[in-house]
């Protein structure tokens, strides 16, 4: 009788199926067995990442539109910061 109950439970319990499928984080590069191949791949990968980041330039805060700029601190806020924060 217990075996029949176990079978019905196993039939009703379904394996977890994820609702979201995430893409692979690593590129599908062919793997080589030699040490030299992995070194050259690592060098080329680091060079390509350097070139991508070197093309980006930071903008000055003065170039930001007014709605994205920081609000200036008031004298009261400056005093609170200098005193070490808000005391309760």
PDB file of N, CA and C in Angstrom:
ATOM      1  N   UNK A   1       0.820  -1.187   0.000  1.00  0.00           N
ATOM      2  CA  UNK A   1       0.000   0.000   0.000  1.00  0.00           C
ATOM      3  C   UNK A   1       0.873   1.263   0.000  1.00  0.00           C
ATOM      4  N   UNK A   2       1.956   1.245   0.770  1.00  0.00           N
ATOM      5  CA  UNK A   2       2.847   2.394   0.816  1.00  0.00           C
ATOM      6  C   UNK A   2       3.573   2.554  -0.512  1.00  0.00           C
ATOM      7  N   UNK A   3       3.864   1.457  -1.164  1.00  0.00           N
ATOM      8  CA  UNK A   3       4.548   1.517  -2.451  1.00  0.00           C
ATOM      9  C   UNK A   3       3.668   2.192  -3.496  1.00  0.00           C
ATOM     10  N   UNK A   4       2.383   1.927  -3.441  1.00  0.00           N
ATOM     11  CA  UNK A   4       1.462   2.555  -4.387  1.00  0.00           C
ATOM     12  C   UNK A   4       1.390   4.061  -4.149  1.00  0.00           C
ATOM     13  N   UNK A   5       1.436   4.469  -2.885  1.00  0.00           N
ATOM     14  CA  UNK A   5       1.405   5.895  -2.557  1.00  0.00           C
ATOM     15  C   UNK A   5       2.671   6.585  -3.052  1.00  0.00           C
ATOM     16  N   UNK A   6       3.798   5.897  -2.914  1.00  0.00           N
ATOM     17  CA  UNK A   6       5.067   6.466  -3.373  1.00  0.00           C
ATOM     18  C   UNK A   6       5.041   6.633  -4.888  1.00  0.00           C
ATOM     19  N   UNK A   7       4.500   5.662  -5.596  1.00  0.00           N
ATOM     20  CA  UNK A   7       4.434   5.746  -7.057  1.00  0.00           C
ATOM     21  C   UNK A   7       3.557   6.909  -7.506  1.00  0.00           C
ATOM     22  N   UNK A   8       2.440   7.124  -6.829  1.00  0.00           N
ATOM     23  CA  UNK A   8       1.564   8.230  -7.223  1.00  0.00           C
ATOM     24  C   UNK A   8       2.213   9.578  -6.930  1.00  0.00           C
ATOM     25  N   UNK A   9       2.953   9.645  -5.824  1.00  0.00           N
ATOM     26  CA  UNK A   9       3.656  10.891  -5.496  1.00  0.00           C
ATOM     27  C   UNK A   9       4.725  11.167  -6.534  1.00  0.00           C
ATOM     28  N   UNK A  10       5.476  10.148  -6.937  1.00  0.00           N
ATOM     29  CA  UNK A  10       6.528  10.341  -7.927  1.00  0.00           C
ATOM     30  C   UNK A  10       5.958  10.719  -9.286  1.00  0.00           C
ATOM     31  N   UNK A  11       4.782  10.248  -9.599  1.00  0.00           N
ATOM     32  CA  UNK A  11       4.157  10.610 -10.868  1.00  0.00           C
ATOM     33  C   UNK A  11       3.689  12.059 -10.859  1.00  0.00           C
ATOM     34  N   UNK A  12       3.222  12.541  -9.716  1.00  0.00           N
ATOM     35  CA  UNK A  12       2.704  13.908  -9.656  1.00  0.00           C
ATOM     36  C   UNK A  12       3.805  14.944  -9.487  1.00  0.00           C
ATOM     37  N   UNK A  13       4.916  14.576  -8.848  1.00  0.00           N
ATOM     38  CA  UNK A  13       6.024  15.512  -8.657  1.00  0.00           C
ATOM     39  C   UNK A  13       6.839  15.542  -9.941  1.00  0.00           C
ATOM     40  N   UNK A  14       6.946  16.706 -10.536  1.00  0.00           N
ATOM     41  CA  UNK A  14       7.669  16.852 -11.793  1.00  0.00           C
ATOM     42  C   UNK A  14       8.999  17.545 -11.521  1.00  0.00           C
ATOM     43  N   UNK A  15      10.008  17.258 -12.319  1.00  0.00           N
ATOM     44  CA  UNK A  15      11.294  17.926 -12.110  1.00  0.00           C
ATOM     45  C   UNK A  15      11.175  19.421 -12.385  1.00  0.00           C
ATOM     46  N   UNK A  16      12.025  20.182 -11.715  1.00  0.00           N
ATOM     47  CA  UNK A  16      12.012  21.640 -11.859  1.00  0.00           C
ATOM     48  C   UNK A  16      12.501  22.025 -13.253  1.00  0.00           C
ATOM     49  N   UNK A  17      11.745  22.844 -13.914  1.00  0.00           N
ATOM     50  CA  UNK A  17      12.129  23.366 -15.222  1.00  0.00           C
ATOM     51  C   UNK A  17      12.256  24.875 -15.075  1.00  0.00           C
ATOM     52  N   UNK A  18      13.480  25.419 -15.253  1.00  0.00           N
ATOM     53  CA  UNK A  18      13.642  26.862 -15.092  1.00  0.00           C
ATOM     54  C   UNK A  18      12.842  27.627 -16.143  1.00  0.00           C
ATOM     55  N   UNK A  19      12.273  28.741 -15.725  1.00  0.00           N
ATOM     56  CA  UNK A  19      11.472  29.562 -16.621  1.00  0.00           C
ATOM     57  C   UNK A  19      12.331  30.504 -17.462  1.00  0.00           C
ATOM     58  N   UNK A  20      13.525  30.821 -16.953  1.00  0.00           N
ATOM     59  CA  UNK A  20      14.416  31.738 -17.652  1.00  0.00           C
ATOM     60  C   UNK A  20      15.665  30.973 -18.055  1.00  0.00           C
ATOM     61  N   UNK A  21      16.081  31.107 -19.296  1.00  0.00           N
ATOM     62  CA  UNK A  21      17.325  30.495 -19.756  1.00  0.00           C
ATOM     63  C   UNK A  21      18.327  31.620 -19.987  1.00  0.00           C
ATOM     64  N   UNK A  22      19.427  31.586 -19.251  1.00  0.00           N
ATOM     65  CA  UNK A  22      20.454  32.599 -19.363  1.00  0.00           C
ATOM     66  C   UNK A  22      21.477  32.185 -20.416  1.00  0.00           C
ATOM     67  N   UNK A  23      22.009  33.132 -21.179  1.00  0.00           N
ATOM     68  CA  UNK A  23      23.026  32.779 -22.169  1.00  0.00           C
ATOM     69  C   UNK A  23      24.334  32.422 -21.474  1.00  0.00           C
ATOM     70  N   UNK A  24      25.174  31.692 -22.172  1.00  0.00           N
ATOM     71  CA  UNK A  24      26.472  31.310 -21.624  1.00  0.00           C
ATOM     72  C   UNK A  24      27.312  32.562 -21.421  1.00  0.00           C
ATOM     73  N   UNK A  25      28.025  32.622 -20.314  1.00  0.00           N
ATOM     74  CA  UNK A  25      28.842  33.800 -20.008  1.00  0.00           C
ATOM     75  C   UNK A  25      30.188  33.770 -20.720  1.00  0.00           C
ATOM     76  N   UNK A  26      30.645  32.607 -21.096  1.00  0.00           N
ATOM     77  CA  UNK A  26      31.940  32.499 -21.755  1.00  0.00           C
ATOM     78  C   UNK A  26      31.731  32.248 -23.237  1.00  0.00           C
ATOM     79  N   UNK A  27      32.568  32.838 -24.065  1.00  0.00           N
ATOM     80  CA  UNK A  27      32.431  32.581 -25.500  1.00  0.00           C
ATOM     81  C   UNK A  27      32.844  31.146 -25.808  1.00  0.00           C
ATOM     82  N   UNK A  28      32.276  30.585 -26.843  1.00  0.00           N
ATOM     83  CA  UNK A  28      32.592  29.218 -27.231  1.00  0.00           C
ATOM     84  C   UNK A  28      33.841  29.216 -28.097  1.00  0.00           C
ATOM     85  N   UNK A  29      34.993  29.198 -27.454  1.00  0.00           N
ATOM     86  CA  UNK A  29      36.261  29.162 -28.157  1.00  0.00           C
ATOM     87  C   UNK A  29      36.758  27.726 -28.198  1.00  0.00           C
ATOM     88  N   UNK A  30      37.349  27.305 -29.310  1.00  0.00           N
ATOM     89  CA  UNK A  30      37.887  25.941 -29.344  1.00  0.00           C
ATOM     90  C   UNK A  30      39.046  25.809 -28.368  1.00  0.00           C
ATOM     91  N   UNK A  31      39.057  24.733 -27.625  1.00  0.00           N
ATOM     92  CA  UNK A  31      40.090  24.502 -26.626  1.00  0.00           C
ATOM     93  C   UNK A  31      41.273  23.801 -27.270  1.00  0.00           C
ATOM     94  N   UNK A  32      42.480  24.253 -26.974  1.00  0.00           N
ATOM     95  CA  UNK A  32      43.676  23.576 -27.475  1.00  0.00           C
ATOM     96  C   UNK A  32      44.380  22.926 -26.300  1.00  0.00           C
ATOM     97  N   UNK A  33      45.117  21.878 -26.590  1.00  0.00           N
ATOM     98  CA  UNK A  33      45.811  21.137 -25.542  1.00  0.00           C
ATOM     99  C   UNK A  33      47.188  21.692 -25.266  1.00  0.00           C
ATOM    100  N   UNK A  34      47.699  22.590 -26.101  1.00  0.00           N
ATOM    101  CA  UNK A  34      49.039  23.110 -25.903  1.00  0.00           C
ATOM    102  C   UNK A  34      48.999  24.343 -25.027  1.00  0.00           C
ATOM    103  N   UNK A  35      50.082  24.553 -24.321  1.00  0.00           N
ATOM    104  CA  UNK A  35      50.180  25.702 -23.434  1.00  0.00           C
ATOM    105  C   UNK A  35      50.299  26.987 -24.239  1.00  0.00           C
ATOM    106  N   UNK A  36      51.023  26.947 -25.368  1.00  0.00           N
ATOM    107  CA  UNK A  36      51.239  28.144 -26.175  1.00  0.00           C
ATOM    108  C   UNK A  36      49.929  28.684 -26.735  1.00  0.00           C
ATOM    109  N   UNK A  37      49.053  27.790 -27.119  1.00  0.00           N
ATOM    110  CA  UNK A  37      47.771  28.218 -27.670  1.00  0.00           C
ATOM    111  C   UNK A  37      46.953  28.970 -26.648  1.00  0.00           C
ATOM    112  N   UNK A  38      46.976  28.503 -25.403  1.00  0.00           N
ATOM    113  CA  UNK A  38      46.188  29.174 -24.378  1.00  0.00           C
ATOM    114  C   UNK A  38      46.779  30.522 -24.020  1.00  0.00           C
ATOM    115  N   UNK A  39      48.114  30.639 -24.090  1.00  0.00           N
ATOM    116  CA  UNK A  39      48.747  31.923 -23.790  1.00  0.00           C
ATOM    117  C   UNK A  39      48.397  32.935 -24.871  1.00  0.00           C
ATOM    118  N   UNK A  40      48.465  32.531 -26.135  1.00  0.00           N
ATOM    119  CA  UNK A  40      48.172  33.480 -27.204  1.00  0.00           C
ATOM    120  C   UNK A  40      46.707  33.895 -27.178  1.00  0.00           C
ATOM    121  N   UNK A  41      45.811  32.957 -26.832  1.00  0.00           N
ATOM    122  CA  UNK A  41      44.398  33.307 -26.719  1.00  0.00           C
ATOM    123  C   UNK A  41      44.175  34.293 -25.590  1.00  0.00           C
ATOM    124  N   UNK A  42      44.879  34.078 -24.465  1.00  0.00           N
ATOM    125  CA  UNK A  42      44.720  34.980 -23.333  1.00  0.00           C
ATOM    126  C   UNK A  42      45.222  36.371 -23.686  1.00  0.00           C
ATOM    127  N   UNK A  43      46.343  36.431 -24.423  1.00  0.00           N
ATOM    128  CA  UNK A  43      46.876  37.731 -24.808  1.00  0.00           C
ATOM    129  C   UNK A  43      45.941  38.453 -25.764  1.00  0.00           C
ATOM    130  N   UNK A  44      45.409  37.716 -26.744  1.00  0.00           N
ATOM    131  CA  UNK A  44      44.524  38.366 -27.703  1.00  0.00           C
ATOM    132  C   UNK A  44      43.231  38.808 -27.034  1.00  0.00           C
ATOM    133  N   UNK A  45      42.757  38.027 -26.067  1.00  0.00           N
ATOM    134  CA  UNK A  45      41.534  38.396 -25.362  1.00  0.00           C
ATOM    135  C   UNK A  45      41.767  39.652 -24.530  1.00  0.00           C
ATOM    136  N   UNK A  46      42.932  39.737 -23.844  1.00  0.00           N
ATOM    137  CA  UNK A  46      43.206  40.919 -23.032  1.00  0.00           C
ATOM    138  C   UNK A  46      43.396  42.144 -23.915  1.00  0.00           C
ATOM    139  N   UNK A  47      43.994  41.972 -25.087  1.00  0.00           N
ATOM    140  CA  UNK A  47      44.161  43.102 -25.999  1.00  0.00           C
ATOM    141  C   UNK A  47      42.820  43.601 -26.509  1.00  0.00           C
ATOM    142  N   UNK A  48      41.910  42.674 -26.805  1.00  0.00           N
ATOM    143  CA  UNK A  48      40.614  43.103 -27.318  1.00  0.00           C
ATOM    144  C   UNK A  48      39.808  43.818 -26.240  1.00  0.00           C
ATOM    145  N   UNK A  49      39.913  43.373 -24.979  1.00  0.00           N
ATOM    146  CA  UNK A  49      39.175  44.049 -23.917  1.00  0.00           C
ATOM    147  C   UNK A  49      39.774  45.417 -23.635  1.00  0.00           C
ATOM    148  N   UNK A  50      41.090  45.553 -23.779  1.00  0.00           N
ATOM    149  CA  UNK A  50      41.712  46.856 -23.571  1.00  0.00           C
ATOM    150  C   UNK A  50      41.251  47.843 -24.636  1.00  0.00           C
ATOM    151  N   UNK A  51      41.150  47.382 -25.871  1.00  0.00           N
ATOM    152  CA  UNK A  51      40.749  48.294 -26.931  1.00  0.00           C
ATOM    153  C   UNK A  51      39.295  48.726 -26.763  1.00  0.00           C
ATOM    154  N   UNK A  52      38.446  47.840 -26.240  1.00  0.00           N
ATOM    155  CA  UNK A  52      37.051  48.205 -26.026  1.00  0.00           C
ATOM    156  C   UNK A  52      36.914  49.243 -24.927  1.00  0.00           C
ATOM    157  N   UNK A  53      37.677  49.087 -23.849  1.00  0.00           N
ATOM    158  CA  UNK A  53      37.560  50.026 -22.746  1.00  0.00           C
ATOM    159  C   UNK A  53      38.287  51.327 -23.036  1.00  0.00           C
ATOM    160  N   UNK A  54      39.322  51.301 -23.863  1.00  0.00           N
ATOM    161  CA  UNK A  54      40.052  52.532 -24.135  1.00  0.00           C
ATOM    162  C   UNK A  54      39.261  53.462 -25.051  1.00  0.00           C
ATOM    163  N   UNK A  55      38.305  52.935 -25.801  1.00  0.00           N
ATOM    164  CA  UNK A  55      37.495  53.776 -26.682  1.00  0.00           C
ATOM    165  C   UNK A  55      36.485  54.602 -25.908  1.00  0.00           C
ATOM    166  N   UNK A  56      36.126  54.161 -24.729  1.00  0.00           N
ATOM    167  CA  UNK A  56      35.136  54.883 -23.935  1.00  0.00           C
ATOM    168  C   UNK A  56      35.811  56.036 -23.197  1.00  0.00           C
ATOM    169  N   UNK A  57      35.159  57.181 -23.210  1.00  0.00           N
ATOM    170  CA  UNK A  57      35.702  58.331 -22.504  1.00  0.00           C
ATOM    171  C   UNK A  57      34.672  58.802 -21.494  1.00  0.00           C
ATOM    172  N   UNK A  58      35.154  59.177 -20.318  1.00  0.00           N
ATOM    173  CA  UNK A  58      34.263  59.699 -19.285  1.00  0.00           C
ATOM    174  C   UNK A  58      33.928  61.148 -19.618  1.00  0.00           C
ATOM    175  N   UNK A  59      32.708  61.525 -19.312  1.00  0.00           N
ATOM    176  CA  UNK A  59      32.325  62.911 -19.552  1.00  0.00           C
ATOM    177  C   UNK A  59      32.418  63.680 -18.241  1.00  0.00           C
ATOM    178  N   UNK A  60      32.635  64.948 -18.356  1.00  0.00           N
ATOM    179  CA  UNK A  60      32.730  65.814 -17.193  1.00  0.00           C
ATOM    180  C   UNK A  60      31.331  66.053 -16.635  1.00  0.00           C
ATOM    181  N   UNK A  61      31.243  66.254 -15.334  1.00  0.00           N
ATOM    182  CA  UNK A  61      29.929  66.488 -14.729  1.00  0.00           C
ATOM    183  C   UNK A  61      29.299  67.782 -15.233  1.00  0.00           C
ATOM    184  N   UNK A  62      30.110  68.714 -15.712  1.00  0.00           N
ATOM    185  CA  UNK A  62      29.569  69.960 -16.256  1.00  0.00           C
ATOM    186  C   UNK A  62      28.876  69.729 -17.597  1.00  0.00           C
ATOM    187  N   UNK A  63      29.179  68.612 -18.256  1.00  0.00           N
ATOM    188  CA  UNK A  63      28.557  68.303 -19.539  1.00  0.00           C
ATOM    189  C   UNK A  63      27.214  67.590 -19.380  1.00  0.00           C
ATOM    190  N   UNK A  64      26.895  67.172 -18.171  1.00  0.00           N
ATOM    191  CA  UNK A  64      25.636  66.468 -17.939  1.00  0.00           C
ATOM    192  C   UNK A  64      24.457  67.427 -18.054  1.00  0.00           C
ATOM    193  N   UNK A  65      23.322  66.951 -18.517  1.00  0.00           N
ATOM    194  CA  UNK A  65      22.120  67.789 -18.493  1.00  0.00           C
ATOM    195  C   UNK A  65      21.734  68.103 -17.049  1.00  0.00           C
ATOM    196  N   UNK A  66      21.011  69.178 -16.834  1.00  0.00           N
ATOM    197  CA  UNK A  66      20.686  69.617 -15.482  1.00  0.00           C
ATOM    198  C   UNK A  66      19.907  68.575 -14.697  1.00  0.00           C
ATOM    199  N   UNK A  67      19.056  67.818 -15.365  1.00  0.00           N
ATOM    200  CA  UNK A  67      18.249  66.846 -14.617  1.00  0.00           C
ATOM    201  C   UNK A  67      19.086  65.684 -14.094  1.00  0.00           C
ATOM    202  N   UNK A  68      20.306  65.463 -14.623  1.00  0.00           N
ATOM    203  CA  UNK A  68      21.160  64.380 -14.149  1.00  0.00           C
ATOM    204  C   UNK A  68      22.267  64.856 -13.213  1.00  0.00           C
ATOM    205  N   UNK A  69      22.377  66.154 -13.034  1.00  0.00           N
ATOM    206  CA  UNK A  69      23.424  66.675 -12.150  1.00  0.00           C
ATOM    207  C   UNK A  69      23.029  66.525 -10.691  1.00  0.00           C
ATOM    208  N   UNK A  70      24.028  66.542  -9.830  1.00  0.00           N
ATOM    209  CA  UNK A  70      23.765  66.489  -8.391  1.00  0.00           C
ATOM    210  C   UNK A  70      23.227  67.820  -7.913  1.00  0.00           C
ATOM    211  N   UNK A  71      22.354  67.732  -6.927  1.00  0.00           N
ATOM    212  CA  UNK A  71      21.856  68.960  -6.317  1.00  0.00           C
ATOM    213  C   UNK A  71      22.945  69.483  -5.383  1.00  0.00           C
ATOM    214  N   UNK A  72      23.159  70.792  -5.348  1.00  0.00           N
ATOM    215  CA  UNK A  72      24.171  71.328  -4.436  1.00  0.00           C
ATOM    216  C   UNK A  72      23.743  71.132  -2.983  1.00  0.00           C
ATOM    217  N   UNK A  73      24.729  70.886  -2.110  1.00  0.00           N
ATOM    218  CA  UNK A  73      24.444  70.688  -0.690  1.00  0.00           C
ATOM    219  C   UNK A  73      24.096  72.019  -0.036  1.00  0.00           C
ATOM    220  N   UNK A  74      23.147  71.982   0.863  1.00  0.00           N
ATOM    221  CA  UNK A  74      22.794  73.179   1.616  1.00  0.00           C
ATOM    222  C   UNK A  74      23.776  73.337   2.771  1.00  0.00           C
ATOM    223  N   UNK A  75      23.791  74.519   3.382  1.00  0.00           N
ATOM    224  CA  UNK A  75      24.680  74.755   4.523  1.00  0.00           C
ATOM    225  C   UNK A  75      24.334  73.823   5.681  1.00  0.00           C
ATOM    226  N   UNK A  76      23.053  73.549   5.862  1.00  0.00           N
ATOM    227  CA  UNK A  76      22.624  72.651   6.940  1.00  0.00           C
ATOM    228  C   UNK A  76      23.157  71.232   6.704  1.00  0.00           C
ATOM    229  N   UNK A  77      23.085  70.760   5.463  1.00  0.00           N
ATOM    230  CA  UNK A  77      23.592  69.424   5.147  1.00  0.00           C
ATOM    231  C   UNK A  77      25.101  69.349   5.338  1.00  0.00           C
ATOM    232  N   UNK A  78      25.805  70.425   4.991  1.00  0.00           N
ATOM    233  CA  UNK A  78      27.255  70.460   5.168  1.00  0.00           C
ATOM    234  C   UNK A  78      27.607  70.383   6.647  1.00  0.00           C
ATOM    235  N   UNK A  79      26.878  71.112   7.490  1.00  0.00           N
ATOM    236  CA  UNK A  79      27.119  71.066   8.941  1.00  0.00           C
ATOM    237  C   UNK A  79      26.897  69.668   9.494  1.00  0.00           C
ATOM    238  N   UNK A  80      25.819  69.010   9.070  1.00  0.00           N
ATOM    239  CA  UNK A  80      25.516  67.660   9.555  1.00  0.00           C
ATOM    240  C   UNK A  80      26.625  66.697   9.155  1.00  0.00           C
ATOM    241  N   UNK A  81      27.120  66.822   7.931  1.00  0.00           N
ATOM    242  CA  UNK A  81      28.193  65.943   7.471  1.00  0.00           C
ATOM    243  C   UNK A  81      29.465  66.191   8.267  1.00  0.00           C
ATOM    244  N   UNK A  82      29.796  67.471   8.514  1.00  0.00           N
ATOM    245  CA  UNK A  82      31.007  67.798   9.259  1.00  0.00           C
ATOM    246  C   UNK A  82      30.933  67.335  10.706  1.00  0.00           C
ATOM    247  N   UNK A  83      29.729  67.272  11.272  1.00  0.00           N
ATOM    248  CA  UNK A  83      29.566  66.821  12.653  1.00  0.00           C
ATOM    249  C   UNK A  83      29.543  65.303  12.774  1.00  0.00           C
ATOM    250  N   UNK A  84      29.592  64.598  11.641  1.00  0.00           N
ATOM    251  CA  UNK A  84      29.632  63.142  11.703  1.00  0.00           C
ATOM    252  C   UNK A  84      28.311  62.475  11.422  1.00  0.00           C
ATOM    253  N   UNK A  85      27.350  63.193  10.947  1.00  0.00           N
ATOM    254  CA  UNK A  85      26.074  62.588  10.594  1.00  0.00           C
ATOM    255  C   UNK A  85      24.964  63.040  11.505  1.00  0.00           C
ATOM    256  N   UNK A  86      23.776  62.602  11.192  1.00  0.00           N
ATOM    257  CA  UNK A  86      22.595  62.995  11.938  1.00  0.00           C
ATOM    258  C   UNK A  86      22.529  62.231  13.250  1.00  0.00           C
ATOM    259  N   UNK A  87      22.417  62.956  14.346  1.00  0.00           N
ATOM    260  CA  UNK A  87      22.296  62.324  15.660  1.00  0.00           C
ATOM    261  C   UNK A  87      20.839  62.306  16.067  1.00  0.00           C
ATOM    262  N   UNK A  88      20.428  61.187  16.611  1.00  0.00           N
ATOM    263  CA  UNK A  88      19.028  61.055  17.027  1.00  0.00           C
ATOM    264  C   UNK A  88      18.867  61.332  18.492  1.00  0.00           C
TER     265      UNK A  88
END
